[in-house]
PDB file of N, CA and C in Angstrom:
ATOM      1  N   UNK A   1      -2.141 -12.976  11.097  1.00  0.00           N
ATOM      2  CA  UNK A   1      -1.178 -12.594  10.065  1.00  0.00           C
ATOM      3  C   UNK A   1      -0.005 -13.439  10.174  1.00  0.00           C
ATOM      4  N   UNK A   2       0.366 -13.873   9.045  1.00  0.00           N
ATOM      5  CA  UNK A   2       1.518 -14.899   8.810  1.00  0.00           C
ATOM      6  C   UNK A   2       2.817 -14.041   9.036  1.00  0.00           C
ATOM      7  N   UNK A   3       3.906 -14.775   9.516  1.00  0.00           N
ATOM      8  CA  UNK A   3       5.185 -14.115   9.691  1.00  0.00           C
ATOM      9  C   UNK A   3       5.712 -13.536   8.376  1.00  0.00           C
ATOM     10  N   UNK A   4       5.551 -14.188   7.285  1.00  0.00           N
ATOM     11  CA  UNK A   4       6.060 -13.741   5.993  1.00  0.00           C
ATOM     12  C   UNK A   4       5.436 -12.332   5.557  1.00  0.00           C
ATOM     13  N   UNK A   5       4.101 -12.228   5.999  1.00  0.00           N
ATOM     14  CA  UNK A   5       3.336 -10.962   5.681  1.00  0.00           C
ATOM     15  C   UNK A   5       3.954  -9.861   6.655  1.00  0.00           C
ATOM     16  N   UNK A   6       4.198 -10.224   7.886  1.00  0.00           N
ATOM     17  CA  UNK A   6       4.867  -9.278   8.761  1.00  0.00           C
ATOM     18  C   UNK A   6       6.124  -8.781   8.274  1.00  0.00           C
ATOM     19  N   UNK A   7       7.066  -9.788   7.731  1.00  0.00           N
ATOM     20  CA  UNK A   7       8.291  -9.364   7.286  1.00  0.00           C
ATOM     21  C   UNK A   7       8.220  -8.533   6.087  1.00  0.00           C
ATOM     22  N   UNK A   8       7.271  -8.875   5.084  1.00  0.00           N
ATOM     23  CA  UNK A   8       7.070  -8.131   3.930  1.00  0.00           C
ATOM     24  C   UNK A   8       6.619  -6.670   4.230  1.00  0.00           C
ATOM     25  N   UNK A   9       5.820  -6.452   5.173  1.00  0.00           N
ATOM     26  CA  UNK A   9       5.383  -5.234   5.726  1.00  0.00           C
ATOM     27  C   UNK A   9       6.459  -4.343   6.125  1.00  0.00           C
ATOM     28  N   UNK A  10       7.359  -5.056   7.028  1.00  0.00           N
ATOM     29  CA  UNK A  10       8.555  -4.267   7.647  1.00  0.00           C
ATOM     30  C   UNK A  10       9.448  -3.930   6.369  1.00  0.00           C
ATOM     31  N   UNK A  11       9.659  -4.867   5.465  1.00  0.00           N
ATOM     32  CA  UNK A  11      10.560  -4.454   4.332  1.00  0.00           C
ATOM     33  C   UNK A  11       9.949  -3.282   3.509  1.00  0.00           C
ATOM     34  N   UNK A  12       8.575  -3.205   3.382  1.00  0.00           N
ATOM     35  CA  UNK A  12       8.032  -2.111   2.601  1.00  0.00           C
ATOM     36  C   UNK A  12       8.198  -0.794   3.589  1.00  0.00           C
ATOM     37  N   UNK A  13       7.901  -0.927   4.849  1.00  0.00           N
ATOM     38  CA  UNK A  13       8.074   0.225   5.579  1.00  0.00           C
ATOM     39  C   UNK A  13       9.573   0.796   5.565  1.00  0.00           C
ATOM     40  N   UNK A  14      10.383  -0.142   5.651  1.00  0.00           N
ATOM     41  CA  UNK A  14      11.868   0.458   5.590  1.00  0.00           C
ATOM     42  C   UNK A  14      12.175   1.020   4.249  1.00  0.00           C
ATOM     43  N   UNK A  15      11.566   0.507   3.222  1.00  0.00           N
ATOM     44  CA  UNK A  15      11.736   1.103   2.001  1.00  0.00           C
ATOM     45  C   UNK A  15      11.072   2.666   1.677  1.00  0.00           C
ATOM     46  N   UNK A  16       9.779   2.620   2.225  1.00  0.00           N
ATOM     47  CA  UNK A  16       9.074   3.916   2.063  1.00  0.00           C
ATOM     48  C   UNK A  16       9.312   5.006   2.974  1.00  0.00           C
ATOM     49  N   UNK A  17       9.796   4.607   4.335  1.00  0.00           N
ATOM     50  CA  UNK A  17       9.827   5.647   5.431  1.00  0.00           C
ATOM     51  C   UNK A  17      10.865   6.751   5.182  1.00  0.00           C
ATOM     52  N   UNK A  18      12.034   6.437   4.510  1.00  0.00           N
ATOM     53  CA  UNK A  18      12.988   7.434   4.550  1.00  0.00           C
ATOM     54  C   UNK A  18      12.550   8.618   3.594  1.00  0.00           C
ATOM     55  N   UNK A  19      11.766   8.497   2.802  1.00  0.00           N
ATOM     56  CA  UNK A  19      11.265   9.539   1.791  1.00  0.00           C
ATOM     57  C   UNK A  19      10.203  10.479   2.689  1.00  0.00           C
ATOM     58  N   UNK A  20      10.486  11.768   2.824  1.00  0.00           N
ATOM     59  CA  UNK A  20       9.733  12.637   3.570  1.00  0.00           C
ATOM     60  C   UNK A  20       8.374  13.027   2.791  1.00  0.00           C
ATOM     61  N   UNK A  21       8.217  12.629   1.604  1.00  0.00           N
ATOM     62  CA  UNK A  21       7.079  12.901   0.730  1.00  0.00           C
ATOM     63  C   UNK A  21       6.060  11.698   0.996  1.00  0.00           C
ATOM     64  N   UNK A  22       6.554  10.647   1.560  1.00  0.00           N
ATOM     65  CA  UNK A  22       5.613   9.467   1.912  1.00  0.00           C
ATOM     66  C   UNK A  22       5.071   9.777   3.402  1.00  0.00           C
ATOM     67  N   UNK A  23       3.827   9.968   3.561  1.00  0.00           N
ATOM     68  CA  UNK A  23       3.343  10.236   4.775  1.00  0.00           C
ATOM     69  C   UNK A  23       2.766   9.114   5.515  1.00  0.00           C
ATOM     70  N   UNK A  24       2.354   8.055   4.942  1.00  0.00           N
ATOM     71  CA  UNK A  24       1.823   6.865   5.746  1.00  0.00           C
ATOM     72  C   UNK A  24       1.837   5.582   4.799  1.00  0.00           C
ATOM     73  N   UNK A  25       1.940   4.571   5.370  1.00  0.00           N
ATOM     74  CA  UNK A  25       1.737   3.279   4.738  1.00  0.00           C
ATOM     75  C   UNK A  25       0.554   2.535   5.332  1.00  0.00           C
ATOM     76  N   UNK A  26      -0.383   2.113   4.584  1.00  0.00           N
ATOM     77  CA  UNK A  26      -1.611   1.550   5.135  1.00  0.00           C
ATOM     78  C   UNK A  26      -1.867   0.243   4.398  1.00  0.00           C
ATOM     79  N   UNK A  27      -1.828  -0.799   5.177  1.00  0.00           N
ATOM     80  CA  UNK A  27      -2.099  -2.276   4.698  1.00  0.00           C
ATOM     81  C   UNK A  27      -3.516  -2.357   4.475  1.00  0.00           C
ATOM     82  N   UNK A  28      -4.032  -2.892   3.452  1.00  0.00           N
ATOM     83  CA  UNK A  28      -5.491  -3.130   3.154  1.00  0.00           C
ATOM     84  C   UNK A  28      -5.589  -4.548   2.716  1.00  0.00           C
ATOM     85  N   UNK A  29      -6.905  -4.943   2.364  1.00  0.00           N
ATOM     86  CA  UNK A  29      -7.078  -6.252   1.815  1.00  0.00           C
ATOM     87  C   UNK A  29      -7.166  -7.383   2.855  1.00  0.00           C
ATOM     88  N   UNK A  30      -6.981  -8.579   2.383  1.00  0.00           N
ATOM     89  CA  UNK A  30      -7.096  -9.806   3.331  1.00  0.00           C
ATOM     90  C   UNK A  30      -6.024  -9.738   4.351  1.00  0.00           C
ATOM     91  N   UNK A  31      -4.909  -9.261   4.271  1.00  0.00           N
ATOM     92  CA  UNK A  31      -3.954  -9.158   5.301  1.00  0.00           C
ATOM     93  C   UNK A  31      -4.461  -8.247   6.439  1.00  0.00           C
ATOM     94  N   UNK A  32      -4.980  -7.052   6.098  1.00  0.00           N
ATOM     95  CA  UNK A  32      -5.488  -6.088   7.036  1.00  0.00           C
ATOM     96  C   UNK A  32      -6.641  -6.708   7.788  1.00  0.00           C
ATOM     97  N   UNK A  33      -7.517  -7.430   7.122  1.00  0.00           N
ATOM     98  CA  UNK A  33      -8.647  -7.983   7.568  1.00  0.00           C
ATOM     99  C   UNK A  33      -8.385  -9.184   8.471  1.00  0.00           C
ATOM    100  N   UNK A  34      -7.239  -9.688   8.422  1.00  0.00           N
ATOM    101  CA  UNK A  34      -7.015 -10.906   9.153  1.00  0.00           C
ATOM    102  C   UNK A  34      -7.482 -12.216   8.485  1.00  0.00           C
ATOM    103  N   UNK A  35      -7.708 -12.094   7.096  1.00  0.00           N
ATOM    104  CA  UNK A  35      -8.161 -13.334   6.363  1.00  0.00           C
ATOM    105  C   UNK A  35      -7.292 -13.840   5.420  1.00  0.00           C
ATOM    106  N   UNK A  36      -5.983 -13.360   5.405  1.00  0.00           N
ATOM    107  CA  UNK A  36      -4.901 -13.698   4.427  1.00  0.00           C
ATOM    108  C   UNK A  36      -4.517 -15.220   4.663  1.00  0.00           C
ATOM    109  N   UNK A  37      -4.503 -15.960   3.655  1.00  0.00           N
ATOM    110  CA  UNK A  37      -4.098 -17.369   3.528  1.00  0.00           C
ATOM    111  C   UNK A  37      -2.403 -17.249   3.477  1.00  0.00           C
ATOM    112  N   UNK A  38      -1.861 -18.483   3.577  1.00  0.00           N
ATOM    113  CA  UNK A  38      -0.357 -18.457   3.555  1.00  0.00           C
ATOM    114  C   UNK A  38       0.185 -17.890   2.177  1.00  0.00           C
ATOM    115  N   UNK A  39      -0.582 -18.007   1.050  1.00  0.00           N
ATOM    116  CA  UNK A  39      -0.020 -17.537  -0.223  1.00  0.00           C
ATOM    117  C   UNK A  39      -0.696 -16.262  -0.611  1.00  0.00           C
ATOM    118  N   UNK A  40      -1.271 -15.495   0.347  1.00  0.00           N
ATOM    119  CA  UNK A  40      -2.019 -14.227  -0.072  1.00  0.00           C
ATOM    120  C   UNK A  40      -0.981 -13.024  -0.428  1.00  0.00           C
ATOM    121  N   UNK A  41      -1.395 -12.316  -1.318  1.00  0.00           N
ATOM    122  CA  UNK A  41      -0.655 -11.108  -1.617  1.00  0.00           C
ATOM    123  C   UNK A  41      -0.815 -10.078  -0.548  1.00  0.00           C
ATOM    124  N   UNK A  42      -0.021  -8.974  -0.721  1.00  0.00           N
ATOM    125  CA  UNK A  42      -0.159  -7.858   0.263  1.00  0.00           C
ATOM    126  C   UNK A  42      -0.526  -6.613  -0.555  1.00  0.00           C
ATOM    127  N   UNK A  43      -1.729  -5.965  -0.161  1.00  0.00           N
ATOM    128  CA  UNK A  43      -2.185  -4.794  -0.740  1.00  0.00           C
ATOM    129  C   UNK A  43      -2.011  -3.653   0.102  1.00  0.00           C
ATOM    130  N   UNK A  44      -1.647  -2.388  -0.462  1.00  0.00           N
ATOM    131  CA  UNK A  44      -1.493  -1.278   0.439  1.00  0.00           C
ATOM    132  C   UNK A  44      -1.726  -0.043  -0.240  1.00  0.00           C
ATOM    133  N   UNK A  45      -1.924   1.052   0.470  1.00  0.00           N
ATOM    134  CA  UNK A  45      -1.968   2.460   0.061  1.00  0.00           C
ATOM    135  C   UNK A  45      -0.755   3.138   0.680  1.00  0.00           C
ATOM    136  N   UNK A  46      -0.110   3.791  -0.198  1.00  0.00           N
ATOM    137  CA  UNK A  46       0.955   4.654   0.159  1.00  0.00           C
ATOM    138  C   UNK A  46       0.445   6.148   0.124  1.00  0.00           C
ATOM    139  N   UNK A  47       0.361   6.763   1.181  1.00  0.00           N
ATOM    140  CA  UNK A  47      -0.187   8.205   1.393  1.00  0.00           C
ATOM    141  C   UNK A  47       1.058   9.089   1.083  1.00  0.00           C
ATOM    142  N   UNK A  48       0.912   9.924   0.080  1.00  0.00           N
ATOM    143  CA  UNK A  48       2.019  10.844  -0.255  1.00  0.00           C
ATOM    144  C   UNK A  48       1.369  12.293  -0.269  1.00  0.00           C
ATOM    145  N   UNK A  49       2.232  13.195  -0.301  1.00  0.00           N
ATOM    146  CA  UNK A  49       1.876  14.599  -0.398  1.00  0.00           C
ATOM    147  C   UNK A  49       1.327  14.943  -1.759  1.00  0.00           C
ATOM    148  N   UNK A  50       0.552  16.136  -1.852  1.00  0.00           N
ATOM    149  CA  UNK A  50      -0.191  16.444  -2.994  1.00  0.00           C
ATOM    150  C   UNK A  50       0.754  16.569  -4.254  1.00  0.00           C
ATOM    151  N   UNK A  51       1.934  17.294  -3.958  1.00  0.00           N
ATOM    152  CA  UNK A  51       2.853  17.481  -5.235  1.00  0.00           C
ATOM    153  C   UNK A  51       3.382  16.142  -5.626  1.00  0.00           C
ATOM    154  N   UNK A  52       3.667  15.256  -4.817  1.00  0.00           N
ATOM    155  CA  UNK A  52       4.310  13.864  -5.260  1.00  0.00           C
ATOM    156  C   UNK A  52       3.214  13.224  -5.999  1.00  0.00           C
ATOM    157  N   UNK A  53       1.921  13.220  -5.505  1.00  0.00           N
ATOM    158  CA  UNK A  53       0.894  12.502  -6.232  1.00  0.00           C
ATOM    159  C   UNK A  53       0.570  13.194  -7.587  1.00  0.00           C
ATOM    160  N   UNK A  54       0.806  14.448  -7.763  1.00  0.00           N
ATOM    161  CA  UNK A  54       0.649  15.154  -9.086  1.00  0.00           C
ATOM    162  C   UNK A  54       1.779  14.661  -9.935  1.00  0.00           C
ATOM    163  N   UNK A  55       2.904  14.616  -9.466  1.00  0.00           N
ATOM    164  CA  UNK A  55       4.218  14.051 -10.277  1.00  0.00           C
ATOM    165  C   UNK A  55       3.934  12.657 -10.688  1.00  0.00           C
ATOM    166  N   UNK A  56       3.369  11.732  -9.864  1.00  0.00           N
ATOM    167  CA  UNK A  56       3.127  10.399 -10.322  1.00  0.00           C
ATOM    168  C   UNK A  56       1.989  10.309 -11.282  1.00  0.00           C
ATOM    169  N   UNK A  57       0.991  11.180 -11.065  1.00  0.00           N
ATOM    170  CA  UNK A  57      -0.039  11.099 -11.881  1.00  0.00           C
ATOM    171  C   UNK A  57       0.291  11.486 -13.394  1.00  0.00           C
ATOM    172  N   UNK A  58       1.125  12.459 -13.532  1.00  0.00           N
ATOM    173  CA  UNK A  58       1.557  12.947 -14.850  1.00  0.00           C
ATOM    174  C   UNK A  58       2.325  11.742 -15.653  1.00  0.00           C
ATOM    175  N   UNK A  59       2.844  10.835 -14.881  1.00  0.00           N
ATOM    176  CA  UNK A  59       3.605   9.677 -15.408  1.00  0.00           C
ATOM    177  C   UNK A  59       2.597   8.350 -15.377  1.00  0.00           C
ATOM    178  N   UNK A  60       1.305   8.532 -14.880  1.00  0.00           N
ATOM    179  CA  UNK A  60       0.463   7.421 -14.760  1.00  0.00           C
ATOM    180  C   UNK A  60       1.180   6.266 -13.844  1.00  0.00           C
ATOM    181  N   UNK A  61       1.918   6.758 -12.916  1.00  0.00           N
ATOM    182  CA  UNK A  61       2.833   5.918 -12.069  1.00  0.00           C
ATOM    183  C   UNK A  61       2.238   5.829 -10.565  1.00  0.00           C
ATOM    184  N   UNK A  62       0.901   5.927 -10.459  1.00  0.00           N
ATOM    185  CA  UNK A  62       0.404   5.833  -9.026  1.00  0.00           C
ATOM    186  C   UNK A  62       0.147   4.326  -8.616  1.00  0.00           C
ATOM    187  N   UNK A  63       0.269   3.498  -9.498  1.00  0.00           N
ATOM    188  CA  UNK A  63       0.316   2.030  -9.193  1.00  0.00           C
ATOM    189  C   UNK A  63       1.707   1.619  -8.767  1.00  0.00           C
ATOM    190  N   UNK A  64       1.748   1.088  -7.597  1.00  0.00           N
ATOM    191  CA  UNK A  64       3.150   0.665  -7.056  1.00  0.00           C
ATOM    192  C   UNK A  64       3.216  -0.779  -7.014  1.00  0.00           C
ATOM    193  N   UNK A  65       4.118  -1.376  -7.806  1.00  0.00           N
ATOM    194  CA  UNK A  65       4.449  -2.809  -7.605  1.00  0.00           C
ATOM    195  C   UNK A  65       5.722  -2.863  -6.914  1.00  0.00           C
ATOM    196  N   UNK A  66       5.769  -3.690  -5.768  1.00  0.00           N
ATOM    197  CA  UNK A  66       6.796  -3.754  -4.796  1.00  0.00           C
ATOM    198  C   UNK A  66       7.104  -5.149  -4.586  1.00  0.00           C
ATOM    199  N   UNK A  67       7.135  -6.035  -5.487  1.00  0.00           N
ATOM    200  CA  UNK A  67       7.346  -7.417  -5.397  1.00  0.00           C
ATOM    201  C   UNK A  67       8.697  -7.833  -4.791  1.00  0.00           C
ATOM    202  N   UNK A  68       9.732  -6.955  -5.113  1.00  0.00           N
ATOM    203  CA  UNK A  68      11.004  -7.264  -4.655  1.00  0.00           C
ATOM    204  C   UNK A  68      11.151  -7.282  -3.089  1.00  0.00           C
ATOM    205  N   UNK A  69      10.238  -6.735  -2.439  1.00  0.00           N
ATOM    206  CA  UNK A  69      10.207  -6.655  -1.035  1.00  0.00           C
ATOM    207  C   UNK A  69       9.406  -7.797  -0.293  1.00  0.00           C
ATOM    208  N   UNK A  70       8.824  -8.814  -1.007  1.00  0.00           N
ATOM    209  CA  UNK A  70       8.069  -9.914  -0.603  1.00  0.00           C
ATOM    210  C   UNK A  70       9.009 -10.893  -0.060  1.00  0.00           C
ATOM    211  N   UNK A  71       8.471 -11.382   1.075  1.00  0.00           N
ATOM    212  CA  UNK A  71       9.052 -12.707   1.682  1.00  0.00           C
ATOM    213  C   UNK A  71       8.157 -13.864   1.285  1.00  0.00           C
ATOM    214  N   UNK A  72       8.694 -14.944   0.702  1.00  0.00           N
ATOM    215  CA  UNK A  72       7.979 -16.138   0.272  1.00  0.00           C
ATOM    216  C   UNK A  72       7.390 -16.739   1.536  1.00  0.00           C
ATOM    217  N   UNK A  73       6.091 -17.058   1.332  1.00  0.00           N
ATOM    218  CA  UNK A  73       5.415 -17.387   0.188  1.00  0.00           C
ATOM    219  C   UNK A  73       4.505 -16.296  -0.440  1.00  0.00           C
ATOM    220  N   UNK A  74       4.736 -15.082   0.172  1.00  0.00           N
ATOM    221  CA  UNK A  74       3.865 -13.934  -0.378  1.00  0.00           C
ATOM    222  C   UNK A  74       4.261 -13.681  -1.818  1.00  0.00           C
ATOM    223  N   UNK A  75       3.307 -13.792  -2.654  1.00  0.00           N
ATOM    224  CA  UNK A  75       3.551 -13.712  -4.127  1.00  0.00           C
ATOM    225  C   UNK A  75       3.848 -12.423  -4.659  1.00  0.00           C
ATOM    226  N   UNK A  76       3.253 -11.384  -4.076  1.00  0.00           N
ATOM    227  CA  UNK A  76       3.288  -9.989  -4.588  1.00  0.00           C
ATOM    228  C   UNK A  76       2.821  -8.910  -3.646  1.00  0.00           C
ATOM    229  N   UNK A  77       3.366  -7.773  -3.815  1.00  0.00           N
ATOM    230  CA  UNK A  77       2.839  -6.658  -3.090  1.00  0.00           C
ATOM    231  C   UNK A  77       2.618  -5.444  -4.015  1.00  0.00           C
ATOM    232  N   UNK A  78       1.382  -5.010  -3.998  1.00  0.00           N
ATOM    233  CA  UNK A  78       0.919  -4.016  -5.004  1.00  0.00           C
ATOM    234  C   UNK A  78       0.128  -2.998  -4.085  1.00  0.00           C
ATOM    235  N   UNK A  79       0.271  -1.801  -4.474  1.00  0.00           N
ATOM    236  CA  UNK A  79      -0.414  -0.722  -3.826  1.00  0.00           C
ATOM    237  C   UNK A  79      -0.670   0.468  -4.823  1.00  0.00           C
ATOM    238  N   UNK A  80      -1.345   1.506  -4.135  1.00  0.00           N
ATOM    239  CA  UNK A  80      -1.672   2.778  -4.957  1.00  0.00           C
ATOM    240  C   UNK A  80      -1.193   3.921  -4.054  1.00  0.00           C
ATOM    241  N   UNK A  81      -0.611   4.939  -4.719  1.00  0.00           N
ATOM    242  CA  UNK A  81      -0.330   6.164  -4.183  1.00  0.00           C
ATOM    243  C   UNK A  81      -1.727   6.957  -4.037  1.00  0.00           C
ATOM    244  N   UNK A  82      -1.853   7.484  -2.817  1.00  0.00           N
ATOM    245  CA  UNK A  82      -3.096   8.181  -2.662  1.00  0.00           C
ATOM    246  C   UNK A  82      -2.638   9.449  -1.760  1.00  0.00           C
ATOM    247  N   UNK A  83      -3.390  10.507  -1.674  1.00  0.00           N
ATOM    248  CA  UNK A  83      -3.262  11.611  -0.741  1.00  0.00           C
ATOM    249  C   UNK A  83      -4.233  11.508   0.373  1.00  0.00           C
ATOM    250  N   UNK A  84      -3.947  12.470   1.185  1.00  0.00           N
ATOM    251  CA  UNK A  84      -4.920  12.594   2.452  1.00  0.00           C
ATOM    252  C   UNK A  84      -6.368  13.007   1.962  1.00  0.00           C
ATOM    253  N   UNK A  85      -6.345  13.878   0.926  1.00  0.00           N
ATOM    254  CA  UNK A  85      -7.649  14.238   0.474  1.00  0.00           C
ATOM    255  C   UNK A  85      -8.266  13.116  -0.334  1.00  0.00           C
ATOM    256  N   UNK A  86      -7.493  12.155  -0.850  1.00  0.00           N
ATOM    257  CA  UNK A  86      -8.016  11.055  -1.706  1.00  0.00           C
ATOM    258  C   UNK A  86      -8.535  10.031  -0.580  1.00  0.00           C
ATOM    259  N   UNK A  87      -7.902   9.828   0.498  1.00  0.00           N
ATOM    260  CA  UNK A  87      -8.444   8.979   1.511  1.00  0.00           C
ATOM    261  C   UNK A  87      -9.688   9.500   2.110  1.00  0.00           C
ATOM    262  N   UNK A  88      -9.857  10.734   2.343  1.00  0.00           N
ATOM    263  CA  UNK A  88     -11.064  11.377   2.802  1.00  0.00           C
ATOM    264  C   UNK A  88     -12.212  11.049   1.738  1.00  0.00           C
ATOM    265  N   UNK A  89     -11.973  11.133   0.493  1.00  0.00           N
ATOM    266  CA  UNK A  89     -12.888  11.083  -0.514  1.00  0.00           C
ATOM    267  C   UNK A  89     -13.354   9.566  -0.605  1.00  0.00           C
ATOM    268  N   UNK A  90     -12.369   8.638  -0.301  1.00  0.00           N
ATOM    269  CA  UNK A  90     -12.675   7.133  -0.170  1.00  0.00           C
ATOM    270  C   UNK A  90     -13.570   7.020   0.922  1.00  0.00           C
ATOM    271  N   UNK A  91     -13.399   7.600   2.090  1.00  0.00           N
ATOM    272  CA  UNK A  91     -14.054   7.455   3.330  1.00  0.00           C
ATOM    273  C   UNK A  91     -15.361   7.786   3.044  1.00  0.00           C
ATOM    274  N   UNK A  92     -15.709   9.091   2.362  1.00  0.00           N
ATOM    275  CA  UNK A  92     -16.966   9.643   2.204  1.00  0.00           C
ATOM    276  C   UNK A  92     -17.652   9.074   1.024  1.00  0.00           C
ATOM    277  N   UNK A  93     -17.143   8.617  -0.043  1.00  0.00           N
ATOM    278  CA  UNK A  93     -17.807   8.344  -1.203  1.00  0.00           C
ATOM    279  C   UNK A  93     -17.498   6.931  -1.919  1.00  0.00           C
ATOM    280  N   UNK A  94     -16.450   6.244  -1.229  1.00  0.00           N
ATOM    281  CA  UNK A  94     -15.942   5.124  -1.743  1.00  0.00           C
ATOM    282  C   UNK A  94     -16.963   3.841  -1.547  1.00  0.00           C
ATOM    283  N   UNK A  95     -16.899   2.921  -2.434  1.00  0.00           N
ATOM    284  CA  UNK A  95     -17.533   1.740  -2.203  1.00  0.00           C
ATOM    285  C   UNK A  95     -17.067   0.890  -0.878  1.00  0.00           C
ATOM    286  N   UNK A  96     -17.895  -0.061  -0.541  1.00  0.00           N
ATOM    287  CA  UNK A  96     -17.452  -0.865   0.702  1.00  0.00           C
ATOM    288  C   UNK A  96     -16.178  -1.498   0.472  1.00  0.00           C
ATOM    289  N   UNK A  97     -15.989  -2.043  -0.640  1.00  0.00           N
ATOM    290  CA  UNK A  97     -14.761  -2.690  -0.883  1.00  0.00           C
ATOM    291  C   UNK A  97     -13.564  -1.707  -0.872  1.00  0.00           C
ATOM    292  N   UNK A  98     -13.738  -0.587  -1.292  1.00  0.00           N
ATOM    293  CA  UNK A  98     -12.718   0.435  -1.255  1.00  0.00           C
ATOM    294  C   UNK A  98     -12.295   0.974   0.063  1.00  0.00           C
ATOM    295  N   UNK A  99     -13.379   1.173   0.819  1.00  0.00           N
ATOM    296  CA  UNK A  99     -13.272   1.605   2.284  1.00  0.00           C
ATOM    297  C   UNK A  99     -12.421   0.543   3.132  1.00  0.00           C
TER     298      UNK A  99
END
């Protein structure tokens, strides 16, 4: 993992951690697999409680763009809000790519 990805993750963690409705931050994609290049983006899941997810869903706001927390040359940081039950569903029924 490149240092700028580590710093981007730390920036995102610092941003999301204070909200008690955010239960976990999970890095996925090429960074998580250790295959990220210098200019790779950062993909993540933000695990939230059921009520927060329901609130986001009513606004179609479960896609999270967090580019302002990126450290160059990381071009963007994008994620999805998901619940614990959603993670379990991905585990049990998701495609290989999604798991």
